[in-house]
Amino acid sequence: MRVKPTIKEPMPYLTLNPATGRMVKTFESWDAKKLNEALTAAQRAQIEWRETDFSMRAKLMHRTAALLRERATEYAAIMTTEMGKVIAEARAEIEKCAVGCDFYADHAERFLADELIETDAGKSYVCYQPLGTVLAIMPWNFPFWQVFRFAAPALMAGNAGVLKHAPNVPQCALAIEAIFRDAGFPEHLFMSALIEVDAVPDAIAGPYVHAVTLTGSEGAGREVAAHAGRHLKKCVLELGGSDPFIVLRDADLEFTAEQAIKSRYMNCGQSCIAAKRFIL
């Protein structure tokens, strides 16, 4: 007997306040057509963007940093609402993003300058050129910083960025897209794609994605790396760990206990470097 395949309906992206359990807002996931249109638009924007000089890129990136600082209260509130981050930590995260934008605006040209090297040829050098569109699959624990630490250097290097954020932080994702647009970056150069996990393999396989980066679990990393390798796409991964907090015999126990609590519960316990195993 032939079994008819089950068609999976797209699941919406949700803002679910973790402090109250209340549904704040929903966003429908994109279908394949909308994703393809977005990736095509990103490629067109990147082809023009790669020809801009570093002074123009730096000007827009500094403007991005300024907008982050101007709107810190607004963005911190979005983060706290969507993932439960303490508001003081949310504000600090926004400032960290602004610092990152200023840093790459100031130093990208030097980082990416041609490097002359000695060989037996007439002239040899290492040249850094834009890759194209970078697909970023990001987690929810630092919903602004995880994005900006890829986006700021990627855009300064002449690339486009397409973000597939965690489905529980859609307002963060859309706010970040708006920041770059408001700062004056070309339309479609950075976009937040509200897509399902099932759409990622086809996006990687297609002609419009030239590199992929992921921060997440080891299982997700294996899947992304496998698809990237199969289609010869560059790939950068930051995966999970099991960080030990080791207490030796000569430790100051009162001080150590205080630091252990901070290490385990920083960022509401959702930090990649938080202590996960306590060894006494």
C-alpha atoms as a PDB file:
ATOM      1  CA  MET A   1       0.000   0.000   0.000  1.00  0.00           C
ATOM      2  CA  ARG A   2       1.333   3.431  -0.935  1.00  0.00           C
ATOM      3  CA  VAL A   3       1.399   5.859   1.961  1.00  0.00           C
ATOM      4  CA  LYS A   4       0.734   9.501   1.233  1.00  0.00           C
ATOM      5  CA  PRO A   5       3.511  11.673   2.733  1.00  0.00           C
ATOM      6  CA  THR A   6       2.599  14.002   5.538  1.00  0.00           C
ATOM      7  CA  ILE A   7       2.996  17.673   4.670  1.00  0.00           C
ATOM      8  CA  LYS A   8       4.448  19.547   7.599  1.00  0.00           C
ATOM      9  CA  GLU A   9       2.721  22.870   8.184  1.00  0.00           C
ATOM     10  CA  PRO A  10       5.090  25.766   8.923  1.00  0.00           C
ATOM     11  CA  MET A  11       5.342  26.505  12.637  1.00  0.00           C
ATOM     12  CA  PRO A  12       5.136  30.185  13.591  1.00  0.00           C
ATOM     13  CA  TYR A  13       7.941  32.083  15.256  1.00  0.00           C
ATOM     14  CA  LEU A  14       6.744  32.951  18.756  1.00  0.00           C
ATOM     15  CA  THR A  15       7.400  35.640  21.327  1.00  0.00           C
ATOM     16  CA  LEU A  16       6.490  33.783  24.512  1.00  0.00           C
ATOM     17  CA  ASN A  17       7.387  35.739  27.633  1.00  0.00           C
ATOM     18  CA  PRO A  18       9.266  33.220  29.822  1.00  0.00           C
ATOM     19  CA  ALA A  19       8.515  35.186  33.001  1.00  0.00           C
ATOM     20  CA  THR A  20       4.738  35.052  32.561  1.00  0.00           C
ATOM     21  CA  GLY A  21       4.154  32.304  30.006  1.00  0.00           C
ATOM     22  CA  ARG A  22       2.041  34.772  28.054  1.00  0.00           C
ATOM     23  CA  MET A  23       2.015  34.725  24.252  1.00  0.00           C
ATOM     24  CA  VAL A  24       3.054  38.195  23.114  1.00  0.00           C
ATOM     25  CA  LYS A  25       3.232  37.899  19.335  1.00  0.00           C
ATOM     26  CA  THR A  26       3.444  35.327  16.532  1.00  0.00           C
ATOM     27  CA  PHE A  27       5.055  35.451  13.103  1.00  0.00           C
ATOM     28  CA  GLU A  28       4.383  32.995  10.292  1.00  0.00           C
ATOM     29  CA  SER A  29       7.391  31.136   8.926  1.00  0.00           C
ATOM     30  CA  TRP A  30       8.493  31.838   5.384  1.00  0.00           C
ATOM     31  CA  ASP A  31       7.771  29.419   2.569  1.00  0.00           C
ATOM     32  CA  ALA A  32      10.388  28.329   0.011  1.00  0.00           C
ATOM     33  CA  LYS A  33       9.326  30.989  -2.498  1.00  0.00           C
ATOM     34  CA  LYS A  34       9.822  33.851  -0.065  1.00  0.00           C
ATOM     35  CA  LEU A  35      13.192  32.504   1.048  1.00  0.00           C
ATOM     36  CA  ASN A  36      14.393  32.160  -2.521  1.00  0.00           C
ATOM     37  CA  GLU A  37      13.324  35.742  -3.286  1.00  0.00           C
ATOM     38  CA  ALA A  38      15.174  36.991  -0.210  1.00  0.00           C
ATOM     39  CA  LEU A  39      18.375  35.124  -1.056  1.00  0.00           C
ATOM     40  CA  THR A  40      18.236  36.409  -4.621  1.00  0.00           C
ATOM     41  CA  ALA A  41      17.811  39.971  -3.363  1.00  0.00           C
ATOM     42  CA  ALA A  42      20.725  39.530  -0.932  1.00  0.00           C
ATOM     43  CA  GLN A  43      22.959  38.388  -3.760  1.00  0.00           C
ATOM     44  CA  ARG A  44      22.063  41.417  -5.868  1.00  0.00           C
ATOM     45  CA  ALA A  45      22.757  43.744  -2.957  1.00  0.00           C
ATOM     46  CA  GLN A  46      26.082  42.055  -2.224  1.00  0.00           C
ATOM     47  CA  ILE A  47      27.333  42.386  -5.806  1.00  0.00           C
ATOM     48  CA  GLU A  48      27.049  46.164  -5.488  1.00  0.00           C
ATOM     49  CA  TRP A  49      28.171  46.316  -1.864  1.00  0.00           C
ATOM     50  CA  ARG A  50      31.445  44.508  -2.532  1.00  0.00           C
ATOM     51  CA  GLU A  51      32.520  47.438  -4.712  1.00  0.00           C
ATOM     52  CA  THR A  52      32.146  50.029  -1.927  1.00  0.00           C
ATOM     53  CA  ASP A  53      35.280  51.304  -0.227  1.00  0.00           C
ATOM     54  CA  PHE A  54      36.111  50.791   3.435  1.00  0.00           C
ATOM     55  CA  SER A  55      35.435  54.411   4.342  1.00  0.00           C
ATOM     56  CA  MET A  56      31.806  54.050   3.278  1.00  0.00           C
ATOM     57  CA  ARG A  57      31.418  50.724   5.073  1.00  0.00           C
ATOM     58  CA  ALA A  58      32.992  52.150   8.231  1.00  0.00           C
ATOM     59  CA  LYS A  59      30.720  55.178   8.192  1.00  0.00           C
ATOM     60  CA  LEU A  60      27.608  52.996   8.111  1.00  0.00           C
ATOM     61  CA  MET A  61      28.950  50.605  10.741  1.00  0.00           C
ATOM     62  CA  HIS A  62      29.719  53.484  13.114  1.00  0.00           C
ATOM     63  CA  ARG A  63      26.170  54.713  12.498  1.00  0.00           C
ATOM     64  CA  THR A  64      24.917  51.246  13.448  1.00  0.00           C
ATOM     65  CA  ALA A  65      26.822  51.473  16.740  1.00  0.00           C
ATOM     66  CA  ALA A  66      25.279  54.875  17.404  1.00  0.00           C
ATOM     67  CA  LEU A  67      21.764  53.559  16.782  1.00  0.00           C
ATOM     68  CA  LEU A  68      22.362  50.657  19.150  1.00  0.00           C
ATOM     69  CA  ARG A  69      23.309  53.064  21.900  1.00  0.00           C
ATOM     70  CA  GLU A  70      20.423  55.436  21.144  1.00  0.00           C
ATOM     71  CA  ARG A  71      17.890  52.615  21.263  1.00  0.00           C
ATOM     72  CA  ALA A  72      19.470  50.525  24.019  1.00  0.00           C
ATOM     73  CA  THR A  73      16.429  50.708  26.293  1.00  0.00           C
ATOM     74  CA  GLU A  74      14.086  49.578  23.512  1.00  0.00           C
ATOM     75  CA  TYR A  75      16.286  46.685  22.401  1.00  0.00           C
ATOM     76  CA  ALA A  76      17.033  45.537  25.943  1.00  0.00           C
ATOM     77  CA  ALA A  77      13.285  45.346  26.632  1.00  0.00           C
ATOM     78  CA  ILE A  78      12.778  43.159  23.549  1.00  0.00           C
ATOM     79  CA  MET A  79      15.517  40.770  24.667  1.00  0.00           C
ATOM     80  CA  THR A  80      14.160  40.513  28.186  1.00  0.00           C
ATOM     81  CA  THR A  81      10.626  39.916  26.931  1.00  0.00           C
ATOM     82  CA  GLU A  82      11.634  37.171  24.506  1.00  0.00           C
ATOM     83  CA  MET A  83      14.315  35.210  26.376  1.00  0.00           C
ATOM     84  CA  GLY A  84      14.145  36.383  29.978  1.00  0.00           C
ATOM     85  CA  LYS A  85      17.516  38.094  30.246  1.00  0.00           C
ATOM     86  CA  VAL A  86      17.886  40.419  33.236  1.00  0.00           C
ATOM     87  CA  ILE A  87      17.428  43.969  31.924  1.00  0.00           C
ATOM     88  CA  ALA A  88      20.860  45.138  33.126  1.00  0.00           C
ATOM     89  CA  GLU A  89      22.503  42.259  31.250  1.00  0.00           C
ATOM     90  CA  ALA A  90      20.398  43.046  28.188  1.00  0.00           C
ATOM     91  CA  ARG A  91      21.632  46.642  28.198  1.00  0.00           C
ATOM     92  CA  ALA A  92      25.208  45.426  28.573  1.00  0.00           C
ATOM     93  CA  GLU A  93      24.726  43.139  25.581  1.00  0.00           C
ATOM     94  CA  ILE A  94      23.586  46.051  23.423  1.00  0.00           C
ATOM     95  CA  GLU A  95      26.671  48.046  24.433  1.00  0.00           C
ATOM     96  CA  LYS A  96      28.872  45.062  23.577  1.00  0.00           C
ATOM     97  CA  CYS A  97      27.307  44.967  20.106  1.00  0.00           C
ATOM     98  CA  ALA A  98      28.001  48.679  19.646  1.00  0.00           C
ATOM     99  CA  VAL A  99      31.613  48.227  20.717  1.00  0.00           C
ATOM    100  CA  GLY A 100      31.950  45.372  18.206  1.00  0.00           C
ATOM    101  CA  CYS A 101      30.562  47.507  15.381  1.00  0.00           C
ATOM    102  CA  ASP A 102      32.964  50.342  16.186  1.00  0.00           C
ATOM    103  CA  PHE A 103      35.884  47.911  16.418  1.00  0.00           C
ATOM    104  CA  TYR A 104      35.362  46.390  12.975  1.00  0.00           C
ATOM    105  CA  ALA A 105      34.594  49.793  11.465  1.00  0.00           C
ATOM    106  CA  ASP A 106      37.974  51.005  12.726  1.00  0.00           C
ATOM    107  CA  HIS A 107      40.089  47.943  11.947  1.00  0.00           C
ATOM    108  CA  ALA A 108      38.543  45.960   9.066  1.00  0.00           C
ATOM    109  CA  GLU A 109      40.544  47.708   6.360  1.00  0.00           C
ATOM    110  CA  ARG A 110      43.810  46.852   8.119  1.00  0.00           C
ATOM    111  CA  PHE A 111      42.728  43.274   8.845  1.00  0.00           C
ATOM    112  CA  LEU A 112      41.824  42.710   5.181  1.00  0.00           C
ATOM    113  CA  ALA A 113      44.771  44.482   3.535  1.00  0.00           C
ATOM    114  CA  ASP A 114      46.807  42.496   1.017  1.00  0.00           C
ATOM    115  CA  GLU A 115      49.799  40.736   2.568  1.00  0.00           C
ATOM    116  CA  LEU A 116      52.986  40.528   0.510  1.00  0.00           C
ATOM    117  CA  ILE A 117      54.846  37.237   0.947  1.00  0.00           C
ATOM    118  CA  GLU A 118      58.276  36.057  -0.166  1.00  0.00           C
ATOM    119  CA  THR A 119      58.330  33.393  -2.893  1.00  0.00           C
ATOM    120  CA  ASP A 120      60.424  32.645  -5.945  1.00  0.00           C
ATOM    121  CA  ALA A 121      57.781  34.320  -8.117  1.00  0.00           C
ATOM    122  CA  GLY A 122      57.951  37.917  -9.315  1.00  0.00           C
ATOM    123  CA  LYS A 123      55.279  39.036  -6.830  1.00  0.00           C
ATOM    124  CA  SER A 124      53.237  37.003  -4.348  1.00  0.00           C
ATOM    125  CA  TYR A 125      50.600  38.159  -1.922  1.00  0.00           C
ATOM    126  CA  VAL A 126      47.613  36.995   0.100  1.00  0.00           C
ATOM    127  CA  CYS A 127      44.408  38.761  -0.925  1.00  0.00           C
ATOM    128  CA  TYR A 128      41.151  38.822   1.027  1.00  0.00           C
ATOM    129  CA  GLN A 129      38.012  39.028  -1.092  1.00  0.00           C
ATOM    130  CA  PRO A 130      34.291  38.920  -0.194  1.00  0.00           C
ATOM    131  CA  LEU A 131      32.697  35.481  -0.236  1.00  0.00           C
ATOM    132  CA  GLY A 132      29.139  36.540  -1.084  1.00  0.00           C
ATOM    133  CA  THR A 133      26.139  35.803   1.146  1.00  0.00           C
ATOM    134  CA  VAL A 134      26.745  34.342   4.613  1.00  0.00           C
ATOM    135  CA  LEU A 135      23.893  32.339   6.161  1.00  0.00           C
ATOM    136  CA  ALA A 136      23.989  32.561   9.966  1.00  0.00           C
ATOM    137  CA  ILE A 137      22.076  30.157  12.216  1.00  0.00           C
ATOM    138  CA  MET A 138      22.087  31.753  15.634  1.00  0.00           C
ATOM    139  CA  PRO A 139      20.879  30.830  19.151  1.00  0.00           C
ATOM    140  CA  TRP A 140      18.622  32.717  21.522  1.00  0.00           C
ATOM    141  CA  ASN A 141      20.805  33.049  24.618  1.00  0.00           C
ATOM    142  CA  PHE A 142      22.582  36.207  23.388  1.00  0.00           C
ATOM    143  CA  PRO A 143      20.108  37.179  20.673  1.00  0.00           C
ATOM    144  CA  PHE A 144      21.812  40.435  19.673  1.00  0.00           C
ATOM    145  CA  TRP A 145      25.491  39.765  20.353  1.00  0.00           C
ATOM    146  CA  GLN A 146      25.625  36.389  18.592  1.00  0.00           C
ATOM    147  CA  VAL A 147      24.314  38.093  15.466  1.00  0.00           C
ATOM    148  CA  PHE A 148      26.469  41.208  15.566  1.00  0.00           C
ATOM    149  CA  ARG A 149      29.690  39.313  16.136  1.00  0.00           C
ATOM    150  CA  PHE A 150      29.185  37.652  12.739  1.00  0.00           C
ATOM    151  CA  ALA A 151      27.391  40.488  10.948  1.00  0.00           C
ATOM    152  CA  ALA A 152      29.769  43.361  11.699  1.00  0.00           C
ATOM    153  CA  PRO A 153      32.916  41.701  10.302  1.00  0.00           C
ATOM    154  CA  ALA A 154      30.997  40.001   7.468  1.00  0.00           C
ATOM    155  CA  LEU A 155      29.480  43.248   6.215  1.00  0.00           C
ATOM    156  CA  MET A 156      32.750  45.149   6.627  1.00  0.00           C
ATOM    157  CA  ALA A 157      34.414  42.456   4.493  1.00  0.00           C
ATOM    158  CA  GLY A 158      31.960  43.120   1.659  1.00  0.00           C
ATOM    159  CA  ASN A 159      29.543  40.260   2.241  1.00  0.00           C
ATOM    160  CA  ALA A 160      25.771  40.077   2.648  1.00  0.00           C
ATOM    161  CA  GLY A 161      24.185  38.454   5.694  1.00  0.00           C
ATOM    162  CA  VAL A 162      21.048  36.320   6.013  1.00  0.00           C
ATOM    163  CA  LEU A 163      20.044  35.435   9.563  1.00  0.00           C
ATOM    164  CA  LYS A 164      18.083  32.342  10.571  1.00  0.00           C
ATOM    165  CA  HIS A 165      17.548  33.169  14.216  1.00  0.00           C
ATOM    166  CA  ALA A 166      16.117  30.968  16.943  1.00  0.00           C
ATOM    167  CA  PRO A 167      12.305  30.788  16.595  1.00  0.00           C
ATOM    168  CA  ASN A 168      11.653  32.197  20.085  1.00  0.00           C
ATOM    169  CA  VAL A 169      13.380  35.554  19.389  1.00  0.00           C
ATOM    170  CA  PRO A 170      11.728  36.812  16.173  1.00  0.00           C
ATOM    171  CA  GLN A 171      11.399  40.394  17.385  1.00  0.00           C
ATOM    172  CA  CYS A 172      15.130  40.491  18.103  1.00  0.00           C
ATOM    173  CA  ALA A 173      15.814  39.160  14.607  1.00  0.00           C
ATOM    174  CA  LEU A 174      13.603  41.732  12.917  1.00  0.00           C
ATOM    175  CA  ALA A 175      14.937  44.559  15.081  1.00  0.00           C
ATOM    176  CA  ILE A 176      18.503  43.744  14.021  1.00  0.00           C
ATOM    177  CA  GLU A 177      17.498  43.773  10.360  1.00  0.00           C
ATOM    178  CA  ALA A 178      15.925  47.188  10.910  1.00  0.00           C
ATOM    179  CA  ILE A 179      19.032  48.551  12.635  1.00  0.00           C
ATOM    180  CA  PHE A 180      21.229  47.913   9.597  1.00  0.00           C
ATOM    181  CA  ARG A 181      18.568  49.307   7.270  1.00  0.00           C
ATOM    182  CA  ASP A 182      18.111  52.432   9.409  1.00  0.00           C
ATOM    183  CA  ALA A 183      21.864  52.935   9.559  1.00  0.00           C
ATOM    184  CA  GLY A 184      21.894  53.267   5.769  1.00  0.00           C
ATOM    185  CA  PHE A 185      23.121  49.859   4.615  1.00  0.00           C
ATOM    186  CA  PRO A 186      21.701  48.849   1.218  1.00  0.00           C
ATOM    187  CA  GLU A 187      18.256  47.276   1.179  1.00  0.00           C
ATOM    188  CA  HIS A 188      18.419  43.458   1.428  1.00  0.00           C
ATOM    189  CA  LEU A 189      22.137  43.404   2.340  1.00  0.00           C
ATOM    190  CA  PHE A 190      21.219  42.056   5.775  1.00  0.00           C
ATOM    191  CA  MET A 191      17.959  40.176   6.243  1.00  0.00           C
ATOM    192  CA  SER A 192      16.335  38.081   8.929  1.00  0.00           C
ATOM    193  CA  ALA A 193      14.722  35.019   7.364  1.00  0.00           C
ATOM    194  CA  LEU A 194      11.926  33.475   9.442  1.00  0.00           C
ATOM    195  CA  ILE A 195      12.490  29.951   8.155  1.00  0.00           C
ATOM    196  CA  GLU A 196      12.170  26.470   9.589  1.00  0.00           C
ATOM    197  CA  VAL A 197      15.142  24.210  10.280  1.00  0.00           C
ATOM    198  CA  ASP A 198      13.998  22.021   7.366  1.00  0.00           C
ATOM    199  CA  ALA A 199      14.672  24.893   4.956  1.00  0.00           C
ATOM    200  CA  VAL A 200      18.350  25.219   5.886  1.00  0.00           C
ATOM    201  CA  PRO A 201      19.758  22.318   3.790  1.00  0.00           C
ATOM    202  CA  ASP A 202      18.210  23.640   0.575  1.00  0.00           C
ATOM    203  CA  ALA A 203      19.459  27.146   1.354  1.00  0.00           C
ATOM    204  CA  ILE A 204      23.002  25.854   1.840  1.00  0.00           C
ATOM    205  CA  ALA A 205      22.787  23.751  -1.320  1.00  0.00           C
ATOM    206  CA  GLY A 206      21.476  26.598  -3.458  1.00  0.00           C
ATOM    207  CA  PRO A 207      23.541  29.053  -5.487  1.00  0.00           C
ATOM    208  CA  TYR A 208      22.829  32.108  -3.334  1.00  0.00           C
ATOM    209  CA  VAL A 209      24.551  31.061  -0.090  1.00  0.00           C
ATOM    210  CA  HIS A 210      28.347  31.041  -0.191  1.00  0.00           C
ATOM    211  CA  ALA A 211      29.199  30.393   3.460  1.00  0.00           C
ATOM    212  CA  VAL A 212      27.381  29.326   6.610  1.00  0.00           C
ATOM    213  CA  THR A 213      28.010  29.857  10.301  1.00  0.00           C
ATOM    214  CA  LEU A 214      26.241  28.273  13.255  1.00  0.00           C
ATOM    215  CA  THR A 215      26.320  28.607  17.015  1.00  0.00           C
ATOM    216  CA  GLY A 216      24.467  25.761  18.655  1.00  0.00           C
ATOM    217  CA  SER A 217      24.531  22.113  19.615  1.00  0.00           C
ATOM    218  CA  GLU A 218      26.962  19.484  18.394  1.00  0.00           C
ATOM    219  CA  GLY A 219      24.111  17.691  16.627  1.00  0.00           C
ATOM    220  CA  ALA A 220      23.121  20.818  14.717  1.00  0.00           C
ATOM    221  CA  GLY A 221      26.777  21.466  13.933  1.00  0.00           C
ATOM    222  CA  ARG A 222      27.206  18.013  12.411  1.00  0.00           C
ATOM    223  CA  GLU A 223      24.190  18.533  10.181  1.00  0.00           C
ATOM    224  CA  VAL A 224      25.251  21.977   8.981  1.00  0.00           C
ATOM    225  CA  ALA A 225      28.861  20.911   8.460  1.00  0.00           C
ATOM    226  CA  ALA A 226      27.747  17.886   6.464  1.00  0.00           C
ATOM    227  CA  HIS A 227      25.591  19.971   4.128  1.00  0.00           C
ATOM    228  CA  ALA A 228      28.254  22.659   3.793  1.00  0.00           C
ATOM    229  CA  GLY A 229      30.922  20.096   2.998  1.00  0.00           C
ATOM    230  CA  ARG A 230      28.723  18.302   0.478  1.00  0.00           C
ATOM    231  CA  HIS A 231      28.232  21.543  -1.438  1.00  0.00           C
ATOM    232  CA  LEU A 232      31.745  22.955  -0.897  1.00  0.00           C
ATOM    233  CA  LYS A 233      30.567  25.935   1.148  1.00  0.00           C
ATOM    234  CA  LYS A 234      32.814  27.496   3.768  1.00  0.00           C
ATOM    235  CA  CYS A 235      31.621  26.821   7.306  1.00  0.00           C
ATOM    236  CA  VAL A 236      32.339  28.187  10.805  1.00  0.00           C
ATOM    237  CA  LEU A 237      30.851  26.476  13.873  1.00  0.00           C
ATOM    238  CA  GLU A 238      30.717  27.204  17.596  1.00  0.00           C
ATOM    239  CA  LEU A 239      29.316  24.162  19.361  1.00  0.00           C
ATOM    240  CA  GLY A 240      28.404  23.014  22.861  1.00  0.00           C
ATOM    241  CA  GLY A 241      30.730  22.134  25.702  1.00  0.00           C
ATOM    242  CA  SER A 242      30.742  20.693  29.192  1.00  0.00           C
ATOM    243  CA  ASP A 243      32.762  23.202  31.149  1.00  0.00           C
ATOM    244  CA  PRO A 244      34.152  22.021  34.508  1.00  0.00           C
ATOM    245  CA  PHE A 245      34.367  24.197  37.619  1.00  0.00           C
ATOM    246  CA  ILE A 246      37.270  22.628  39.519  1.00  0.00           C
ATOM    247  CA  VAL A 247      37.792  23.400  43.214  1.00  0.00           C
ATOM    248  CA  LEU A 248      41.216  22.483  44.604  1.00  0.00           C
ATOM    249  CA  ARG A 249      42.111  21.797  48.230  1.00  0.00           C
ATOM    250  CA  ASP A 250      43.626  25.245  48.886  1.00  0.00           C
ATOM    251  CA  ALA A 251      40.639  27.249  47.542  1.00  0.00           C
ATOM    252  CA  ASP A 252      38.963  30.003  49.538  1.00  0.00           C
ATOM    253  CA  LEU A 253      35.605  28.242  49.840  1.00  0.00           C
ATOM    254  CA  GLU A 254      33.485  31.294  50.612  1.00  0.00           C
ATOM    255  CA  PHE A 255      34.839  33.162  47.572  1.00  0.00           C
ATOM    256  CA  THR A 256      34.640  30.025  45.434  1.00  0.00           C
ATOM    257  CA  ALA A 257      30.985  29.385  46.307  1.00  0.00           C
ATOM    258  CA  GLU A 258      30.095  32.939  45.298  1.00  0.00           C
ATOM    259  CA  GLN A 259      31.896  32.589  41.966  1.00  0.00           C
ATOM    260  CA  ALA A 260      30.348  29.162  41.349  1.00  0.00           C
ATOM    261  CA  ILE A 261      26.851  30.613  41.629  1.00  0.00           C
ATOM    262  CA  LYS A 262      27.732  33.463  39.266  1.00  0.00           C
ATOM    263  CA  SER A 263      29.277  31.051  36.796  1.00  0.00           C
ATOM    264  CA  ARG A 264      26.254  28.749  36.733  1.00  0.00           C
ATOM    265  CA  TYR A 265      23.536  31.411  36.685  1.00  0.00           C
ATOM    266  CA  MET A 266      24.998  34.169  34.509  1.00  0.00           C
ATOM    267  CA  ASN A 267      22.598  35.148  31.733  1.00  0.00           C
ATOM    268  CA  CYS A 268      19.823  33.222  33.504  1.00  0.00           C
ATOM    269  CA  GLY A 269      21.935  30.089  33.273  1.00  0.00           C
ATOM    270  CA  GLN A 270      22.075  30.295  29.478  1.00  0.00           C
ATOM    271  CA  SER A 271      25.743  30.930  28.733  1.00  0.00           C
ATOM    272  CA  CYS A 272      28.030  28.730  26.688  1.00  0.00           C
ATOM    273  CA  ILE A 273      30.854  29.262  29.184  1.00  0.00           C
ATOM    274  CA  ALA A 274      28.750  28.706  32.310  1.00  0.00           C
ATOM    275  CA  ALA A 275      30.013  26.030  34.699  1.00  0.00           C
ATOM    276  CA  LYS A 276      28.255  22.769  33.903  1.00  0.00           C
ATOM    277  CA  ARG A 277      30.154  20.284  36.084  1.00  0.00           C
ATOM    278  CA  PHE A 278      31.428  20.996  39.596  1.00  0.00           C
ATOM    279  CA  ILE A 279      34.440  18.911  40.575  1.00  0.00           C
ATOM    280  CA  LEU A 280      35.605  19.188  44.186  1.00  0.00           C
END
